N, C-alpha and C. Protein backbone atom coordinates (compact mmCIF):
# COMPACT_ATOMS: atom_id res chain seq x y z
N MET A 1 12.51 12.15 -9.79
CA MET A 1 11.23 12.10 -9.10
C MET A 1 11.18 13.27 -8.12
N ILE A 2 10.08 14.01 -8.15
CA ILE A 2 9.86 15.14 -7.25
C ILE A 2 8.80 14.72 -6.24
N THR A 3 9.09 14.99 -4.97
CA THR A 3 8.15 14.66 -3.90
C THR A 3 7.61 15.95 -3.30
N ALA A 4 6.29 16.00 -3.16
CA ALA A 4 5.64 17.11 -2.48
C ALA A 4 4.86 16.54 -1.30
N ILE A 5 4.94 17.24 -0.18
CA ILE A 5 4.18 16.87 1.01
C ILE A 5 3.05 17.89 1.10
N VAL A 6 1.82 17.40 1.03
CA VAL A 6 0.66 18.30 1.03
C VAL A 6 -0.07 18.16 2.35
N LEU A 7 -0.10 19.24 3.12
CA LEU A 7 -0.81 19.29 4.40
C LEU A 7 -2.23 19.75 4.11
N ILE A 8 -3.20 18.98 4.59
CA ILE A 8 -4.59 19.21 4.18
C ILE A 8 -5.49 19.42 5.38
N HIS A 9 -6.23 20.52 5.35
CA HIS A 9 -7.31 20.76 6.30
C HIS A 9 -8.58 20.26 5.62
N ALA A 10 -9.29 19.38 6.29
CA ALA A 10 -10.46 18.75 5.68
C ALA A 10 -11.69 18.90 6.55
N ASP A 11 -12.84 18.72 5.93
CA ASP A 11 -14.12 18.68 6.63
C ASP A 11 -14.09 17.45 7.55
N ALA A 12 -14.16 17.68 8.85
CA ALA A 12 -14.01 16.59 9.83
C ALA A 12 -15.01 15.46 9.62
N ALA A 13 -16.19 15.77 9.13
CA ALA A 13 -17.22 14.76 8.93
C ALA A 13 -16.94 13.89 7.71
N ARG A 14 -15.98 14.31 6.86
CA ARG A 14 -15.71 13.59 5.60
C ARG A 14 -14.28 13.07 5.49
N ILE A 15 -13.55 13.02 6.58
CA ILE A 15 -12.13 12.65 6.50
C ILE A 15 -11.91 11.29 5.84
N PRO A 16 -12.59 10.22 6.24
CA PRO A 16 -12.31 8.93 5.58
C PRO A 16 -12.58 8.94 4.07
N GLU A 17 -13.70 9.54 3.67
CA GLU A 17 -14.03 9.60 2.24
C GLU A 17 -13.06 10.49 1.47
N THR A 18 -12.68 11.60 2.10
CA THR A 18 -11.74 12.52 1.47
C THR A 18 -10.38 11.85 1.31
N ALA A 19 -9.93 11.18 2.35
CA ALA A 19 -8.64 10.49 2.30
C ALA A 19 -8.62 9.44 1.19
N GLN A 20 -9.70 8.68 1.05
CA GLN A 20 -9.74 7.65 0.01
C GLN A 20 -9.77 8.27 -1.38
N ALA A 21 -10.54 9.34 -1.54
CA ALA A 21 -10.59 10.02 -2.83
C ALA A 21 -9.22 10.58 -3.22
N LEU A 22 -8.50 11.10 -2.24
CA LEU A 22 -7.15 11.61 -2.50
C LEU A 22 -6.21 10.48 -2.87
N ALA A 23 -6.30 9.37 -2.14
CA ALA A 23 -5.42 8.23 -2.40
C ALA A 23 -5.64 7.66 -3.80
N ASP A 24 -6.83 7.84 -4.36
CA ASP A 24 -7.15 7.34 -5.69
C ASP A 24 -6.63 8.25 -6.81
N LEU A 25 -6.13 9.43 -6.48
CA LEU A 25 -5.64 10.35 -7.50
C LEU A 25 -4.29 9.90 -8.04
N GLU A 26 -4.11 10.03 -9.34
CA GLU A 26 -2.82 9.73 -9.95
C GLU A 26 -1.78 10.74 -9.45
N GLY A 27 -0.65 10.24 -9.02
CA GLY A 27 0.41 11.08 -8.48
C GLY A 27 0.44 11.11 -6.97
N VAL A 28 -0.67 10.76 -6.33
CA VAL A 28 -0.72 10.68 -4.87
C VAL A 28 -0.34 9.25 -4.48
N THR A 29 0.76 9.11 -3.74
CA THR A 29 1.24 7.77 -3.40
C THR A 29 0.77 7.30 -2.03
N GLU A 30 0.56 8.21 -1.10
CA GLU A 30 0.08 7.86 0.23
C GLU A 30 -0.74 9.00 0.78
N VAL A 31 -1.68 8.66 1.66
CA VAL A 31 -2.45 9.66 2.39
C VAL A 31 -2.52 9.18 3.84
N TYR A 32 -2.19 10.08 4.75
CA TYR A 32 -2.21 9.75 6.18
C TYR A 32 -3.23 10.63 6.89
N SER A 33 -4.06 10.05 7.73
CA SER A 33 -4.86 10.86 8.64
C SER A 33 -4.00 11.05 9.88
N CYS A 34 -4.08 12.21 10.49
CA CYS A 34 -3.19 12.47 11.61
C CYS A 34 -3.81 13.43 12.61
N ALA A 35 -3.22 13.45 13.78
CA ALA A 35 -3.60 14.40 14.82
C ALA A 35 -2.67 15.61 14.70
N GLY A 36 -3.13 16.74 15.16
CA GLY A 36 -2.28 17.92 15.12
C GLY A 36 -2.93 19.05 14.35
N ASP A 37 -2.10 19.86 13.72
CA ASP A 37 -2.58 21.07 13.04
C ASP A 37 -3.30 20.80 11.73
N VAL A 38 -3.10 19.63 11.14
CA VAL A 38 -3.75 19.28 9.88
C VAL A 38 -4.49 17.96 10.04
N ASP A 39 -5.43 17.72 9.14
CA ASP A 39 -6.23 16.50 9.21
C ASP A 39 -5.65 15.35 8.40
N LEU A 40 -5.09 15.69 7.24
CA LEU A 40 -4.53 14.69 6.33
C LEU A 40 -3.19 15.18 5.79
N ILE A 41 -2.32 14.23 5.48
CA ILE A 41 -1.07 14.53 4.78
C ILE A 41 -1.02 13.61 3.57
N ALA A 42 -0.84 14.23 2.40
CA ALA A 42 -0.73 13.45 1.16
C ALA A 42 0.68 13.57 0.63
N MET A 43 1.22 12.46 0.19
CA MET A 43 2.53 12.43 -0.45
C MET A 43 2.28 12.38 -1.96
N VAL A 44 2.82 13.34 -2.66
CA VAL A 44 2.68 13.41 -4.12
C VAL A 44 4.05 13.18 -4.73
N ARG A 45 4.14 12.21 -5.62
CA ARG A 45 5.41 11.93 -6.30
C ARG A 45 5.17 11.95 -7.81
N VAL A 46 5.86 12.90 -8.47
CA VAL A 46 5.69 13.10 -9.91
C VAL A 46 7.04 13.36 -10.55
N ARG A 47 7.05 13.42 -11.88
CA ARG A 47 8.31 13.58 -12.61
C ARG A 47 8.79 15.01 -12.74
N ASP A 48 7.86 15.98 -12.76
CA ASP A 48 8.29 17.36 -12.93
C ASP A 48 7.39 18.32 -12.16
N HIS A 49 7.85 19.56 -12.06
CA HIS A 49 7.13 20.56 -11.26
C HIS A 49 5.75 20.88 -11.82
N GLU A 50 5.62 20.85 -13.14
CA GLU A 50 4.32 21.14 -13.73
C GLU A 50 3.27 20.12 -13.27
N GLN A 51 3.71 18.88 -13.08
CA GLN A 51 2.78 17.85 -12.63
C GLN A 51 2.35 18.09 -11.18
N ILE A 52 3.21 18.68 -10.36
CA ILE A 52 2.81 19.00 -8.99
C ILE A 52 1.67 19.99 -9.03
N ALA A 53 1.81 21.01 -9.84
CA ALA A 53 0.73 22.00 -9.96
C ALA A 53 -0.55 21.34 -10.44
N GLU A 54 -0.43 20.45 -11.40
CA GLU A 54 -1.60 19.76 -11.93
C GLU A 54 -2.28 18.90 -10.87
N VAL A 55 -1.49 18.13 -10.14
CA VAL A 55 -2.06 17.24 -9.13
C VAL A 55 -2.64 18.03 -7.97
N VAL A 56 -1.86 18.98 -7.44
CA VAL A 56 -2.30 19.69 -6.23
C VAL A 56 -3.41 20.68 -6.52
N THR A 57 -3.18 21.59 -7.44
CA THR A 57 -4.20 22.61 -7.68
C THR A 57 -5.33 22.11 -8.57
N GLY A 58 -5.03 21.17 -9.44
CA GLY A 58 -6.04 20.66 -10.35
C GLY A 58 -6.91 19.56 -9.77
N HIS A 59 -6.36 18.81 -8.81
CA HIS A 59 -7.12 17.66 -8.30
C HIS A 59 -7.28 17.64 -6.78
N VAL A 60 -6.17 17.76 -6.04
CA VAL A 60 -6.27 17.69 -4.58
C VAL A 60 -7.17 18.79 -4.05
N ASN A 61 -6.92 20.03 -4.45
CA ASN A 61 -7.71 21.16 -3.94
C ASN A 61 -9.18 21.09 -4.34
N LYS A 62 -9.49 20.34 -5.38
CA LYS A 62 -10.88 20.24 -5.84
C LYS A 62 -11.59 18.99 -5.32
N THR A 63 -10.90 18.21 -4.50
CA THR A 63 -11.49 16.99 -3.95
C THR A 63 -12.51 17.37 -2.88
N ALA A 64 -13.68 16.74 -2.93
CA ALA A 64 -14.73 17.01 -1.95
C ALA A 64 -14.19 16.76 -0.54
N GLY A 65 -14.40 17.73 0.34
CA GLY A 65 -13.96 17.61 1.72
C GLY A 65 -12.66 18.35 2.02
N VAL A 66 -11.90 18.71 0.98
CA VAL A 66 -10.67 19.46 1.18
C VAL A 66 -11.02 20.93 1.36
N LEU A 67 -10.59 21.51 2.48
CA LEU A 67 -10.89 22.91 2.76
C LEU A 67 -9.72 23.83 2.40
N ARG A 68 -8.49 23.37 2.71
CA ARG A 68 -7.31 24.20 2.48
C ARG A 68 -6.09 23.30 2.44
N THR A 69 -5.08 23.68 1.66
CA THR A 69 -3.84 22.90 1.60
C THR A 69 -2.63 23.82 1.71
N THR A 70 -1.54 23.22 2.15
CA THR A 70 -0.22 23.84 2.13
C THR A 70 0.72 22.79 1.56
N THR A 71 1.51 23.17 0.56
CA THR A 71 2.37 22.21 -0.11
C THR A 71 3.83 22.53 0.15
N HIS A 72 4.58 21.49 0.48
CA HIS A 72 6.03 21.59 0.70
C HIS A 72 6.72 20.69 -0.32
N ILE A 73 7.73 21.23 -1.00
CA ILE A 73 8.50 20.46 -1.97
C ILE A 73 9.75 19.92 -1.27
N ALA A 74 9.99 18.63 -1.41
CA ALA A 74 11.18 18.02 -0.79
C ALA A 74 12.39 18.22 -1.69
N PHE A 75 13.52 18.58 -1.09
CA PHE A 75 14.77 18.72 -1.84
C PHE A 75 15.52 17.40 -1.92
N LYS A 76 15.60 16.70 -0.79
CA LYS A 76 16.38 15.46 -0.70
C LYS A 76 15.71 14.55 0.31
N SER A 77 15.78 13.26 0.04
CA SER A 77 15.22 12.32 1.01
C SER A 77 16.36 11.63 1.74
N TYR A 78 16.11 11.28 2.98
CA TYR A 78 17.07 10.57 3.80
C TYR A 78 16.37 9.35 4.37
N SER A 79 17.02 8.21 4.26
CA SER A 79 16.46 7.01 4.87
C SER A 79 17.40 6.56 5.97
N ARG A 80 16.92 5.72 6.82
CA ARG A 80 17.73 5.21 7.92
C ARG A 80 19.01 4.57 7.37
N ALA A 81 18.87 3.77 6.32
CA ALA A 81 20.04 3.10 5.73
C ALA A 81 21.07 4.10 5.23
N GLU A 82 20.63 5.19 4.60
CA GLU A 82 21.56 6.20 4.09
C GLU A 82 22.29 6.90 5.22
N VAL A 83 21.56 7.22 6.29
CA VAL A 83 22.17 7.91 7.43
C VAL A 83 23.18 6.99 8.11
N GLU A 84 22.79 5.73 8.34
CA GLU A 84 23.71 4.78 8.97
C GLU A 84 24.92 4.53 8.10
N ALA A 85 24.76 4.47 6.80
CA ALA A 85 25.91 4.27 5.89
C ALA A 85 26.88 5.45 5.97
N GLY A 86 26.36 6.62 6.17
CA GLY A 86 27.20 7.80 6.28
C GLY A 86 28.09 7.76 7.50
N PHE A 87 27.69 7.05 8.55
CA PHE A 87 28.48 6.95 9.76
C PHE A 87 29.28 5.66 9.84
N SER A 88 29.12 4.81 8.87
CA SER A 88 29.84 3.52 8.85
C SER A 88 31.29 3.74 8.44
N ILE A 89 32.18 2.97 9.05
CA ILE A 89 33.59 3.08 8.69
C ILE A 89 34.08 1.81 8.03
N GLY A 90 33.18 1.17 7.29
CA GLY A 90 33.55 0.01 6.50
C GLY A 90 33.64 -1.28 7.28
N GLU A 91 32.75 -1.48 8.20
CA GLU A 91 32.77 -2.71 8.99
C GLU A 91 32.51 -3.93 8.15
């Protein structure tokens, strides 16, 4: 599974509608509205790199209200349980 984090600049007047439209796309698992440098963050999870291109450039970028995107590909995920297990000495 490949995870991409897509930072999205959106039309401020359309953020709720844009977020819902993005969340409805196949391959998009979550969409967060947020404060800061970007308006929305979408998590894309697909099986291969070609699908990232299809989802992001073929669908996310063409969603009404999306003005600009920046995509980051995740190499490895870390969860709290994994980090704590790494420091455990077999209790």
